[in-house]
Amino acid sequence: MNAAEIKLELFRRIDSLKGKQLEEAYQYLLSFLNKSNVNPELKSGIERALKDVEEDRVSSHEDVMKRMKKKYPNLIK
């Protein structure tokens, strides 16, 4: 699995979480990031993404695919 595939799989799994599970995943990821030697740029990006989730600035995979199919009808089937 390459990096893009891993990121997509993580996004899909996180996107499917609701309520308490999402909160637990958020806390776990923050704990991991705070304890590890993660690249500062990567850590910053993840923190921004988590803030977006916290502030409900997210789109479901289905919504994103609908928009992309509409915008690029010849590329996505």
PDB file of N, CA and C in Angstrom:
ATOM      1  N   MET A   1       0.858  -1.178   0.000  1.00  0.00           N
ATOM      2  CA  MET A   1       0.000   0.000   0.000  1.00  0.00           C
ATOM      3  C   MET A   1       0.901   1.237   0.000  1.00  0.00           C
ATOM      4  N   ASN A   2       0.661   2.156  -0.935  1.00  0.00           N
ATOM      5  CA  ASN A   2       1.478   3.368  -0.970  1.00  0.00           C
ATOM      6  C   ASN A   2       0.884   4.430  -0.025  1.00  0.00           C
ATOM      7  N   ALA A   3       1.583   5.541   0.108  1.00  0.00           N
ATOM      8  CA  ALA A   3       1.166   6.580   1.066  1.00  0.00           C
ATOM      9  C   ALA A   3      -0.225   7.119   0.752  1.00  0.00           C
ATOM     10  N   ALA A   4      -0.528   7.349  -0.514  1.00  0.00           N
ATOM     11  CA  ALA A   4      -1.849   7.880  -0.884  1.00  0.00           C
ATOM     12  C   ALA A   4      -2.958   6.895  -0.521  1.00  0.00           C
ATOM     13  N   GLU A   5      -2.711   5.615  -0.743  1.00  0.00           N
ATOM     14  CA  GLU A   5      -3.709   4.592  -0.401  1.00  0.00           C
ATOM     15  C   GLU A   5      -3.920   4.496   1.108  1.00  0.00           C
ATOM     16  N   ILE A   6      -2.839   4.613   1.852  1.00  0.00           N
ATOM     17  CA  ILE A   6      -2.942   4.578   3.316  1.00  0.00           C
ATOM     18  C   ILE A   6      -3.744   5.767   3.817  1.00  0.00           C
ATOM     19  N   LYS A   7      -3.452   6.949   3.289  1.00  0.00           N
ATOM     20  CA  LYS A   7      -4.185   8.148   3.697  1.00  0.00           C
ATOM     21  C   LYS A   7      -5.663   8.031   3.373  1.00  0.00           C
ATOM     22  N   LEU A   8      -5.975   7.522   2.187  1.00  0.00           N
ATOM     23  CA  LEU A   8      -7.372   7.360   1.793  1.00  0.00           C
ATOM     24  C   LEU A   8      -8.084   6.358   2.699  1.00  0.00           C
ATOM     25  N   GLU A   9      -7.416   5.257   3.011  1.00  0.00           N
ATOM     26  CA  GLU A   9      -8.010   4.252   3.901  1.00  0.00           C
ATOM     27  C   GLU A   9      -8.241   4.838   5.293  1.00  0.00           C
ATOM     28  N   LEU A  10      -7.267   5.586   5.795  1.00  0.00           N
ATOM     29  CA  LEU A  10      -7.442   6.233   7.102  1.00  0.00           C
ATOM     30  C   LEU A  10      -8.600   7.217   7.065  1.00  0.00           C
ATOM     31  N   PHE A  11      -8.678   8.021   5.999  1.00  0.00           N
ATOM     32  CA  PHE A  11      -9.771   8.978   5.876  1.00  0.00           C
ATOM     33  C   PHE A  11     -11.116   8.263   5.886  1.00  0.00           C
ATOM     34  N   ARG A  12     -11.221   7.201   5.102  1.00  0.00           N
ATOM     35  CA  ARG A  12     -12.494   6.466   5.031  1.00  0.00           C
ATOM     36  C   ARG A  12     -12.888   5.903   6.387  1.00  0.00           C
ATOM     37  N   ARG A  13     -11.917   5.354   7.091  1.00  0.00           N
ATOM     38  CA  ARG A  13     -12.224   4.784   8.403  1.00  0.00           C
ATOM     39  C   ARG A  13     -12.627   5.872   9.396  1.00  0.00           C
ATOM     40  N   ILE A  14     -11.908   6.977   9.394  1.00  0.00           N
ATOM     41  CA  ILE A  14     -12.233   8.081  10.303  1.00  0.00           C
ATOM     42  C   ILE A  14     -13.586   8.676   9.931  1.00  0.00           C
ATOM     43  N   ASP A  15     -13.843   8.823   8.642  1.00  0.00           N
ATOM     44  CA  ASP A  15     -15.094   9.400   8.170  1.00  0.00           C
ATOM     45  C   ASP A  15     -16.305   8.580   8.598  1.00  0.00           C
ATOM     46  N   SER A  16     -16.122   7.295   8.788  1.00  0.00           N
ATOM     47  CA  SER A  16     -17.252   6.431   9.166  1.00  0.00           C
ATOM     48  C   SER A  16     -17.517   6.437  10.674  1.00  0.00           C
ATOM     49  N   LEU A  17     -16.599   7.005  11.454  1.00  0.00           N
ATOM     50  CA  LEU A  17     -16.775   7.013  12.905  1.00  0.00           C
ATOM     51  C   LEU A  17     -17.804   8.055  13.326  1.00  0.00           C
ATOM     52  N   LYS A  18     -18.515   7.745  14.383  1.00  0.00           N
ATOM     53  CA  LYS A  18     -19.533   8.655  14.921  1.00  0.00           C
ATOM     54  C   LYS A  18     -19.372   8.744  16.442  1.00  0.00           C
ATOM     55  N   GLY A  19     -19.788   9.857  16.975  1.00  0.00           N
ATOM     56  CA  GLY A  19     -19.890  10.035  18.424  1.00  0.00           C
ATOM     57  C   GLY A  19     -18.650   9.676  19.202  1.00  0.00           C
ATOM     58  N   LYS A  20     -18.826   8.787  20.153  1.00  0.00           N
ATOM     59  CA  LYS A  20     -17.765   8.415  21.089  1.00  0.00           C
ATOM     60  C   LYS A  20     -16.560   7.803  20.371  1.00  0.00           C
ATOM     61  N   GLN A  21     -16.811   7.002  19.330  1.00  0.00           N
ATOM     62  CA  GLN A  21     -15.705   6.397  18.591  1.00  0.00           C
ATOM     63  C   GLN A  21     -14.834   7.467  17.939  1.00  0.00           C
ATOM     64  N   LEU A  22     -15.456   8.496  17.371  1.00  0.00           N
ATOM     65  CA  LEU A  22     -14.705   9.577  16.737  1.00  0.00           C
ATOM     66  C   LEU A  22     -13.882  10.330  17.777  1.00  0.00           C
ATOM     67  N   GLU A  23     -14.478  10.610  18.923  1.00  0.00           N
ATOM     68  CA  GLU A  23     -13.754  11.295  19.996  1.00  0.00           C
ATOM     69  C   GLU A  23     -12.558  10.478  20.467  1.00  0.00           C
ATOM     70  N   GLU A  24     -12.748   9.163  20.612  1.00  0.00           N
ATOM     71  CA  GLU A  24     -11.656   8.300  21.057  1.00  0.00           C
ATOM     72  C   GLU A  24     -10.535   8.258  20.023  1.00  0.00           C
ATOM     73  N   ALA A  25     -10.897   8.170  18.750  1.00  0.00           N
ATOM     74  CA  ALA A  25      -9.884   8.153  17.688  1.00  0.00           C
ATOM     75  C   ALA A  25      -9.112   9.466  17.665  1.00  0.00           C
ATOM     76  N   TYR A  26      -9.826  10.566  17.852  1.00  0.00           N
ATOM     77  CA  TYR A  26      -9.204  11.889  17.890  1.00  0.00           C
ATOM     78  C   TYR A  26      -8.181  11.965  19.027  1.00  0.00           C
ATOM     79  N   GLN A  27      -8.579  11.533  20.221  1.00  0.00           N
ATOM     80  CA  GLN A  27      -7.676  11.565  21.368  1.00  0.00           C
ATOM     81  C   GLN A  27      -6.471  10.653  21.167  1.00  0.00           C
ATOM     82  N   TYR A  28      -6.725   9.480  20.597  1.00  0.00           N
ATOM     83  CA  TYR A  28      -5.638   8.540  20.344  1.00  0.00           C
ATOM     84  C   TYR A  28      -4.631   9.127  19.356  1.00  0.00           C
ATOM     85  N   LEU A  29      -5.131   9.722  18.280  1.00  0.00           N
ATOM     86  CA  LEU A  29      -4.251  10.304  17.275  1.00  0.00           C
ATOM     87  C   LEU A  29      -3.458  11.478  17.847  1.00  0.00           C
ATOM     88  N   LEU A  30      -4.114  12.321  18.633  1.00  0.00           N
ATOM     89  CA  LEU A  30      -3.394  13.431  19.269  1.00  0.00           C
ATOM     90  C   LEU A  30      -2.298  12.917  20.185  1.00  0.00           C
ATOM     91  N   SER A  31      -2.613  11.892  20.954  1.00  0.00           N
ATOM     92  CA  SER A  31      -1.636  11.302  21.861  1.00  0.00           C
ATOM     93  C   SER A  31      -0.451  10.752  21.075  1.00  0.00           C
ATOM     94  N   PHE A  32      -0.733  10.051  20.001  1.00  0.00           N
ATOM     95  CA  PHE A  32       0.325   9.497  19.160  1.00  0.00           C
ATOM     96  C   PHE A  32       1.213  10.608  18.609  1.00  0.00           C
ATOM     97  N   LEU A  33       0.593  11.651  18.081  1.00  0.00           N
ATOM     98  CA  LEU A  33       1.357  12.740  17.477  1.00  0.00           C
ATOM     99  C   LEU A  33       2.207  13.468  18.504  1.00  0.00           C
ATOM    100  N   ASN A  34       1.680  13.636  19.685  1.00  0.00           N
ATOM    101  CA  ASN A  34       2.419  14.355  20.721  1.00  0.00           C
ATOM    102  C   ASN A  34       3.599  13.548  21.259  1.00  0.00           C
ATOM    103  N   LYS A  35       3.545  12.228  21.137  1.00  0.00           N
ATOM    104  CA  LYS A  35       4.601  11.369  21.667  1.00  0.00           C
ATOM    105  C   LYS A  35       5.640  10.988  20.616  1.00  0.00           C
ATOM    106  N   SER A  36       5.333  11.165  19.374  1.00  0.00           N
ATOM    107  CA  SER A  36       6.235  10.665  18.335  1.00  0.00           C
ATOM    108  C   SER A  36       7.056  11.782  17.714  1.00  0.00           C
ATOM    109  N   ASN A  37       8.011  11.375  16.946  1.00  0.00           N
ATOM    110  CA  ASN A  37       8.874  12.326  16.235  1.00  0.00           C
ATOM    111  C   ASN A  37       8.345  12.523  14.824  1.00  0.00           C
ATOM    112  N   VAL A  38       7.118  12.951  14.717  1.00  0.00           N
ATOM    113  CA  VAL A  38       6.488  13.156  13.424  1.00  0.00           C
ATOM    114  C   VAL A  38       7.037  14.432  12.796  1.00  0.00           C
ATOM    115  N   ASN A  39       7.241  14.379  11.501  1.00  0.00           N
ATOM    116  CA  ASN A  39       7.656  15.541  10.735  1.00  0.00           C
ATOM    117  C   ASN A  39       6.745  16.719  11.106  1.00  0.00           C
ATOM    118  N   PRO A  40       7.289  17.882  11.465  1.00  0.00           N
ATOM    119  CA  PRO A  40       6.457  19.027  11.882  1.00  0.00           C
ATOM    120  C   PRO A  40       5.408  19.446  10.856  1.00  0.00           C
ATOM    121  N   GLU A  41       5.744  19.342   9.577  1.00  0.00           N
ATOM    122  CA  GLU A  41       4.783  19.706   8.533  1.00  0.00           C
ATOM    123  C   GLU A  41       3.606  18.719   8.522  1.00  0.00           C
ATOM    124  N   LEU A  42       3.916  17.439   8.658  1.00  0.00           N
ATOM    125  CA  LEU A  42       2.867  16.413   8.707  1.00  0.00           C
ATOM    126  C   LEU A  42       2.007  16.599   9.952  1.00  0.00           C
ATOM    127  N   LYS A  43       2.658  16.833  11.085  1.00  0.00           N
ATOM    128  CA  LYS A  43       1.934  17.033  12.336  1.00  0.00           C
ATOM    129  C   LYS A  43       0.994  18.234  12.224  1.00  0.00           C
ATOM    130  N   SER A  44       1.468  19.324  11.634  1.00  0.00           N
ATOM    131  CA  SER A  44       0.647  20.517  11.455  1.00  0.00           C
ATOM    132  C   SER A  44      -0.559  20.220  10.565  1.00  0.00           C
ATOM    133  N   GLY A  45      -0.336  19.486   9.491  1.00  0.00           N
ATOM    134  CA  GLY A  45      -1.427  19.133   8.589  1.00  0.00           C
ATOM    135  C   GLY A  45      -2.477  18.270   9.270  1.00  0.00           C
ATOM    136  N   ILE A  46      -2.022  17.320  10.067  1.00  0.00           N
ATOM    137  CA  ILE A  46      -2.966  16.457  10.786  1.00  0.00           C
ATOM    138  C   ILE A  46      -3.740  17.266  11.813  1.00  0.00           C
ATOM    139  N   GLU A  47      -3.071  18.165  12.504  1.00  0.00           N
ATOM    140  CA  GLU A  47      -3.755  19.011  13.486  1.00  0.00           C
ATOM    141  C   GLU A  47      -4.809  19.891  12.825  1.00  0.00           C
ATOM    142  N   ARG A  48      -4.507  20.435  11.634  1.00  0.00           N
ATOM    143  CA  ARG A  48      -5.503  21.224  10.900  1.00  0.00           C
ATOM    144  C   ARG A  48      -6.690  20.363  10.502  1.00  0.00           C
ATOM    145  N   ALA A  49      -6.405  19.149  10.043  1.00  0.00           N
ATOM    146  CA  ALA A  49      -7.478  18.237   9.642  1.00  0.00           C
ATOM    147  C   ALA A  49      -8.352  17.867  10.840  1.00  0.00           C
ATOM    148  N   LEU A  50      -7.738  17.624  11.975  1.00  0.00           N
ATOM    149  CA  LEU A  50      -8.507  17.287  13.172  1.00  0.00           C
ATOM    150  C   LEU A  50      -9.363  18.466  13.625  1.00  0.00           C
ATOM    151  N   LYS A  51      -8.833  19.669  13.485  1.00  0.00           N
ATOM    152  CA  LYS A  51      -9.617  20.858  13.825  1.00  0.00           C
ATOM    153  C   LYS A  51     -10.804  20.995  12.883  1.00  0.00           C
ATOM    154  N   ASP A  52     -10.598  20.707  11.600  1.00  0.00           N
ATOM    155  CA  ASP A  52     -11.702  20.729  10.644  1.00  0.00           C
ATOM    156  C   ASP A  52     -12.785  19.731  11.048  1.00  0.00           C
ATOM    157  N   VAL A  53     -12.386  18.549  11.468  1.00  0.00           N
ATOM    158  CA  VAL A  53     -13.359  17.545  11.917  1.00  0.00           C
ATOM    159  C   VAL A  53     -14.098  18.057  13.141  1.00  0.00           C
ATOM    160  N   GLU A  54     -13.345  18.602  14.082  1.00  0.00           N
ATOM    161  CA  GLU A  54     -13.934  19.113  15.321  1.00  0.00           C
ATOM    162  C   GLU A  54     -14.951  20.219  15.045  1.00  0.00           C
ATOM    163  N   GLU A  55     -14.681  21.052  14.042  1.00  0.00           N
ATOM    164  CA  GLU A  55     -15.551  22.178  13.709  1.00  0.00           C
ATOM    165  C   GLU A  55     -16.522  21.845  12.575  1.00  0.00           C
ATOM    166  N   ASP A  56     -16.657  20.570  12.282  1.00  0.00           N
ATOM    167  CA  ASP A  56     -17.617  20.051  11.306  1.00  0.00           C
ATOM    168  C   ASP A  56     -17.424  20.630   9.906  1.00  0.00           C
ATOM    169  N   ARG A  57     -16.169  20.826   9.534  1.00  0.00           N
ATOM    170  CA  ARG A  57     -15.848  21.269   8.168  1.00  0.00           C
ATOM    171  C   ARG A  57     -15.341  20.068   7.383  1.00  0.00           C
ATOM    172  N   VAL A  58     -16.230  19.097   7.219  1.00  0.00           N
ATOM    173  CA  VAL A  58     -15.865  17.865   6.531  1.00  0.00           C
ATOM    174  C   VAL A  58     -16.933  17.502   5.508  1.00  0.00           C
ATOM    175  N   SER A  59     -16.555  16.653   4.575  1.00  0.00           N
ATOM    176  CA  SER A  59     -17.488  16.130   3.582  1.00  0.00           C
ATOM    177  C   SER A  59     -17.355  14.614   3.572  1.00  0.00           C
ATOM    178  N   SER A  60     -18.460  13.948   3.385  1.00  0.00           N
ATOM    179  CA  SER A  60     -18.397  12.491   3.307  1.00  0.00           C
ATOM    180  C   SER A  60     -17.742  12.085   1.992  1.00  0.00           C
ATOM    181  N   HIS A  61     -17.252  10.876   1.959  1.00  0.00           N
ATOM    182  CA  HIS A  61     -16.647  10.343   0.739  1.00  0.00           C
ATOM    183  C   HIS A  61     -17.660  10.392  -0.406  1.00  0.00           C
ATOM    184  N   GLU A  62     -18.890  10.039  -0.099  1.00  0.00           N
ATOM    185  CA  GLU A  62     -19.938  10.028  -1.113  1.00  0.00           C
ATOM    186  C   GLU A  62     -20.166  11.415  -1.709  1.00  0.00           C
ATOM    187  N   ASP A  63     -20.213  12.442  -0.863  1.00  0.00           N
ATOM    188  CA  ASP A  63     -20.408  13.814  -1.350  1.00  0.00           C
ATOM    189  C   ASP A  63     -19.243  14.278  -2.230  1.00  0.00           C
ATOM    190  N   VAL A  64     -18.046  13.946  -1.811  1.00  0.00           N
ATOM    191  CA  VAL A  64     -16.868  14.327  -2.592  1.00  0.00           C
ATOM    192  C   VAL A  64     -16.903  13.642  -3.954  1.00  0.00           C
ATOM    193  N   MET A  65     -17.237  12.364  -3.975  1.00  0.00           N
ATOM    194  CA  MET A  65     -17.290  11.637  -5.240  1.00  0.00           C
ATOM    195  C   MET A  65     -18.371  12.201  -6.158  1.00  0.00           C
ATOM    196  N   LYS A  66     -19.521  12.597  -5.607  1.00  0.00           N
ATOM    197  CA  LYS A  66     -20.582  13.199  -6.424  1.00  0.00           C
ATOM    198  C   LYS A  66     -20.079  14.482  -7.081  1.00  0.00           C
ATOM    199  N   ARG A  67     -19.405  15.322  -6.283  1.00  0.00           N
ATOM    200  CA  ARG A  67     -18.888  16.583  -6.830  1.00  0.00           C
ATOM    201  C   ARG A  67     -17.826  16.328  -7.912  1.00  0.00           C
ATOM    202  N   MET A  68     -16.950  15.366  -7.662  1.00  0.00           N
ATOM    203  CA  MET A  68     -15.894  15.077  -8.625  1.00  0.00           C
ATOM    204  C   MET A  68     -16.466  14.483  -9.908  1.00  0.00           C
ATOM    205  N   LYS A  69     -17.457  13.609  -9.794  1.00  0.00           N
ATOM    206  CA  LYS A  69     -18.084  13.034 -10.988  1.00  0.00           C
ATOM    207  C   LYS A  69     -18.774  14.109 -11.817  1.00  0.00           C
ATOM    208  N   LYS A  70     -19.372  15.076 -11.126  1.00  0.00           N
ATOM    209  CA  LYS A  70     -20.039  16.175 -11.832  1.00  0.00           C
ATOM    210  C   LYS A  70     -19.007  17.079 -12.510  1.00  0.00           C
ATOM    211  N   LYS A  71     -17.915  17.364 -11.800  1.00  0.00           N
ATOM    212  CA  LYS A  71     -16.888  18.265 -12.330  1.00  0.00           C
ATOM    213  C   LYS A  71     -16.050  17.586 -13.403  1.00  0.00           C
ATOM    214  N   TYR A  72     -15.766  16.291 -13.238  1.00  0.00           N
ATOM    215  CA  TYR A  72     -14.923  15.549 -14.176  1.00  0.00           C
ATOM    216  C   TYR A  72     -15.646  14.292 -14.664  1.00  0.00           C
ATOM    217  N   PRO A  73     -16.703  14.453 -15.443  1.00  0.00           N
ATOM    218  CA  PRO A  73     -17.502  13.294 -15.834  1.00  0.00           C
ATOM    219  C   PRO A  73     -16.755  12.274 -16.682  1.00  0.00           C
ATOM    220  N   ASN A  74     -15.740  12.698 -17.387  1.00  0.00           N
ATOM    221  CA  ASN A  74     -14.987  11.771 -18.240  1.00  0.00           C
ATOM    222  C   ASN A  74     -13.861  11.044 -17.516  1.00  0.00           C
ATOM    223  N   LEU A  75     -13.529  11.511 -16.340  1.00  0.00           N
ATOM    224  CA  LEU A  75     -12.412  10.908 -15.606  1.00  0.00           C
ATOM    225  C   LEU A  75     -12.862   9.930 -14.541  1.00  0.00           C
ATOM    226  N   ILE A  76     -14.003  10.176 -13.952  1.00  0.00           N
ATOM    227  CA  ILE A  76     -14.470   9.347 -12.838  1.00  0.00           C
ATOM    228  C   ILE A  76     -15.757   8.670 -13.247  1.00  0.00           C
ATOM    229  N   LYS A  77     -15.768   7.365 -13.154  1.00  0.00           N
ATOM    230  CA  LYS A  77     -16.968   6.625 -13.540  1.00  0.00           C
ATOM    231  C   LYS A  77     -17.542   5.874 -12.385  1.00  0.00           C
TER     232      LYS A  77
END
